[in-house]
């Protein structure tokens, strides 16, 4: 499983300050557009939830899964935000390079 890190959704759109809790119960509702190379970039309403890593781990562990590997990554394979810079296909938030994780990956298997 590879997912965007919960820390990303704590910040305002320009990554200047923290505006949300690390893990929260209420959803985020926002206008988004696809991050793919689609020609039609129409906006749509997106509803997402932010779950801290402990909820992800507990969900796996409480369902009889064993964690085999866990990594945090300081880049995204996609240009998600307006203020990202690219280095060899890895996108990082400009001015925050190597400071915060953007992705995490978990390998788990049934016990």
C-alpha atoms as a PDB file:
ATOM      1  CA  UNK A   1       0.000   0.000   0.000  1.00  0.00           C
ATOM      2  CA  UNK A   2       1.335   3.425  -0.934  1.00  0.00           C
ATOM      3  CA  UNK A   3      -0.557   6.516   0.154  1.00  0.00           C
ATOM      4  CA  UNK A   4      -0.053  10.253   0.551  1.00  0.00           C
ATOM      5  CA  UNK A   5       1.199  11.098   4.031  1.00  0.00           C
ATOM      6  CA  UNK A   6      -1.297  12.544   6.515  1.00  0.00           C
ATOM      7  CA  UNK A   7       1.049  15.440   7.298  1.00  0.00           C
ATOM      8  CA  UNK A   8       0.358  16.980   3.864  1.00  0.00           C
ATOM      9  CA  UNK A   9      -3.247  17.814   4.696  1.00  0.00           C
ATOM     10  CA  UNK A  10      -2.303  19.717   7.850  1.00  0.00           C
ATOM     11  CA  UNK A  11      -0.970  22.686   5.872  1.00  0.00           C
ATOM     12  CA  UNK A  12      -2.662  25.539   4.059  1.00  0.00           C
ATOM     13  CA  UNK A  13      -2.555  25.454   0.242  1.00  0.00           C
ATOM     14  CA  UNK A  14       0.757  27.320   0.065  1.00  0.00           C
ATOM     15  CA  UNK A  15       2.439  25.331   2.899  1.00  0.00           C
ATOM     16  CA  UNK A  16       3.053  28.461   4.953  1.00  0.00           C
ATOM     17  CA  UNK A  17       1.232  27.418   8.145  1.00  0.00           C
ATOM     18  CA  UNK A  18      -0.599  24.523   9.788  1.00  0.00           C
ATOM     19  CA  UNK A  19      -4.370  24.854   9.527  1.00  0.00           C
ATOM     20  CA  UNK A  20      -5.666  21.363  10.415  1.00  0.00           C
ATOM     21  CA  UNK A  21      -5.042  18.628  12.929  1.00  0.00           C
ATOM     22  CA  UNK A  22      -2.817  15.701  11.951  1.00  0.00           C
ATOM     23  CA  UNK A  23      -5.698  13.263  12.287  1.00  0.00           C
ATOM     24  CA  UNK A  24      -9.278  14.510  12.163  1.00  0.00           C
ATOM     25  CA  UNK A  25     -12.732  12.984  12.007  1.00  0.00           C
ATOM     26  CA  UNK A  26     -14.485  15.499   9.729  1.00  0.00           C
ATOM     27  CA  UNK A  27     -13.870  15.258   5.968  1.00  0.00           C
ATOM     28  CA  UNK A  28     -12.120  17.751   3.740  1.00  0.00           C
ATOM     29  CA  UNK A  29     -14.374  19.065   0.977  1.00  0.00           C
ATOM     30  CA  UNK A  30     -12.594  20.849  -1.861  1.00  0.00           C
ATOM     31  CA  UNK A  31     -12.610  21.505  -5.577  1.00  0.00           C
ATOM     32  CA  UNK A  32      -9.990  19.412  -7.340  1.00  0.00           C
ATOM     33  CA  UNK A  33      -8.801  18.499 -10.780  1.00  0.00           C
ATOM     34  CA  UNK A  34      -7.114  15.324 -11.925  1.00  0.00           C
ATOM     35  CA  UNK A  35      -3.357  15.030 -11.491  1.00  0.00           C
ATOM     36  CA  UNK A  36      -3.149  12.806 -14.571  1.00  0.00           C
ATOM     37  CA  UNK A  37      -2.227  13.999 -18.034  1.00  0.00           C
ATOM     38  CA  UNK A  38      -5.886  14.125 -19.078  1.00  0.00           C
ATOM     39  CA  UNK A  39      -6.653  16.867 -21.583  1.00  0.00           C
ATOM     40  CA  UNK A  40      -9.937  17.733 -19.873  1.00  0.00           C
ATOM     41  CA  UNK A  41      -8.990  19.335 -16.544  1.00  0.00           C
ATOM     42  CA  UNK A  42     -12.518  20.060 -15.292  1.00  0.00           C
ATOM     43  CA  UNK A  43     -12.850  20.560 -11.552  1.00  0.00           C
ATOM     44  CA  UNK A  44     -14.918  18.252  -9.371  1.00  0.00           C
ATOM     45  CA  UNK A  45     -15.910  18.196  -5.708  1.00  0.00           C
ATOM     46  CA  UNK A  46     -13.633  15.888  -3.755  1.00  0.00           C
ATOM     47  CA  UNK A  47     -14.395  14.594  -0.269  1.00  0.00           C
ATOM     48  CA  UNK A  48     -11.494  13.014   1.614  1.00  0.00           C
ATOM     49  CA  UNK A  49     -10.581  12.053   5.164  1.00  0.00           C
ATOM     50  CA  UNK A  50      -7.214  12.383   6.813  1.00  0.00           C
ATOM     51  CA  UNK A  51      -6.119   9.460   8.963  1.00  0.00           C
ATOM     52  CA  UNK A  52      -2.898   9.557  10.965  1.00  0.00           C
ATOM     53  CA  UNK A  53      -0.492   6.660  10.606  1.00  0.00           C
ATOM     54  CA  UNK A  54      -1.630   5.118  13.887  1.00  0.00           C
ATOM     55  CA  UNK A  55      -5.131   4.583  12.452  1.00  0.00           C
ATOM     56  CA  UNK A  56      -3.666   2.942   9.349  1.00  0.00           C
ATOM     57  CA  UNK A  57      -1.444   0.663  11.431  1.00  0.00           C
ATOM     58  CA  UNK A  58      -4.232  -0.179  13.877  1.00  0.00           C
ATOM     59  CA  UNK A  59      -6.570  -1.009  10.998  1.00  0.00           C
ATOM     60  CA  UNK A  60      -4.063  -3.527   9.685  1.00  0.00           C
ATOM     61  CA  UNK A  61      -3.083  -4.957  13.071  1.00  0.00           C
ATOM     62  CA  UNK A  62      -6.693  -5.318  14.255  1.00  0.00           C
ATOM     63  CA  UNK A  63      -7.453  -7.300  11.100  1.00  0.00           C
ATOM     64  CA  UNK A  64      -4.788  -9.897  11.769  1.00  0.00           C
ATOM     65  CA  UNK A  65      -2.195  -8.416   9.431  1.00  0.00           C
ATOM     66  CA  UNK A  66       1.532  -8.471  10.118  1.00  0.00           C
ATOM     67  CA  UNK A  67       3.586  -5.430   9.111  1.00  0.00           C
ATOM     68  CA  UNK A  68       6.503  -6.597   6.949  1.00  0.00           C
ATOM     69  CA  UNK A  69       7.900  -3.230   5.854  1.00  0.00           C
ATOM     70  CA  UNK A  70       7.197   0.473   6.382  1.00  0.00           C
ATOM     71  CA  UNK A  71       8.830   3.471   4.687  1.00  0.00           C
ATOM     72  CA  UNK A  72       8.206   7.224   4.526  1.00  0.00           C
ATOM     73  CA  UNK A  73       9.185   9.045   1.324  1.00  0.00           C
ATOM     74  CA  UNK A  74      10.058  12.736   0.950  1.00  0.00           C
ATOM     75  CA  UNK A  75       8.712  13.021  -2.595  1.00  0.00           C
ATOM     76  CA  UNK A  76       5.640  12.476  -4.747  1.00  0.00           C
ATOM     77  CA  UNK A  77       5.601  10.915  -8.218  1.00  0.00           C
ATOM     78  CA  UNK A  78       2.991  13.570  -9.155  1.00  0.00           C
ATOM     79  CA  UNK A  79       3.005  17.353  -9.191  1.00  0.00           C
ATOM     80  CA  UNK A  80       0.198  17.746  -6.632  1.00  0.00           C
ATOM     81  CA  UNK A  81       0.569  21.376  -5.593  1.00  0.00           C
ATOM     82  CA  UNK A  82       1.372  24.671  -7.291  1.00  0.00           C
ATOM     83  CA  UNK A  83       4.642  25.084  -5.398  1.00  0.00           C
ATOM     84  CA  UNK A  84       6.432  21.821  -6.201  1.00  0.00           C
ATOM     85  CA  UNK A  85       9.762  21.376  -7.924  1.00  0.00           C
ATOM     86  CA  UNK A  86      10.885  18.278  -9.808  1.00  0.00           C
ATOM     87  CA  UNK A  87      14.152  16.412  -9.618  1.00  0.00           C
ATOM     88  CA  UNK A  88      14.430  13.246 -11.729  1.00  0.00           C
ATOM     89  CA  UNK A  89      10.689  12.514 -11.619  1.00  0.00           C
ATOM     90  CA  UNK A  90      10.388  13.209  -7.897  1.00  0.00           C
ATOM     91  CA  UNK A  91       8.277  16.196  -6.855  1.00  0.00           C
ATOM     92  CA  UNK A  92       8.936  18.008  -3.580  1.00  0.00           C
ATOM     93  CA  UNK A  93       7.405  21.096  -2.018  1.00  0.00           C
ATOM     94  CA  UNK A  94       9.659  24.025  -2.857  1.00  0.00           C
ATOM     95  CA  UNK A  95      11.363  25.298   0.289  1.00  0.00           C
ATOM     96  CA  UNK A  96      10.474  22.141   2.244  1.00  0.00           C
ATOM     97  CA  UNK A  97      12.638  19.667   0.334  1.00  0.00           C
ATOM     98  CA  UNK A  98      13.676  16.727   2.529  1.00  0.00           C
ATOM     99  CA  UNK A  99      11.828  18.191   5.548  1.00  0.00           C
ATOM    100  CA  UNK A 100       8.506  16.329   5.541  1.00  0.00           C
ATOM    101  CA  UNK A 101       7.312  13.013   4.144  1.00  0.00           C
ATOM    102  CA  UNK A 102       4.920  13.158   1.202  1.00  0.00           C
ATOM    103  CA  UNK A 103       4.222   9.432   0.858  1.00  0.00           C
ATOM    104  CA  UNK A 104       4.329   6.343   2.998  1.00  0.00           C
ATOM    105  CA  UNK A 105       4.387   2.690   2.016  1.00  0.00           C
ATOM    106  CA  UNK A 106       3.396  -0.380   4.024  1.00  0.00           C
ATOM    107  CA  UNK A 107       3.770  -4.024   3.170  1.00  0.00           C
ATOM    108  CA  UNK A 108       1.593  -6.326   5.281  1.00  0.00           C
ATOM    109  CA  UNK A 109       0.432  -9.893   5.084  1.00  0.00           C
ATOM    110  CA  UNK A 110      -2.201 -12.019   6.770  1.00  0.00           C
ATOM    111  CA  UNK A 111      -0.877 -13.775   9.882  1.00  0.00           C
END
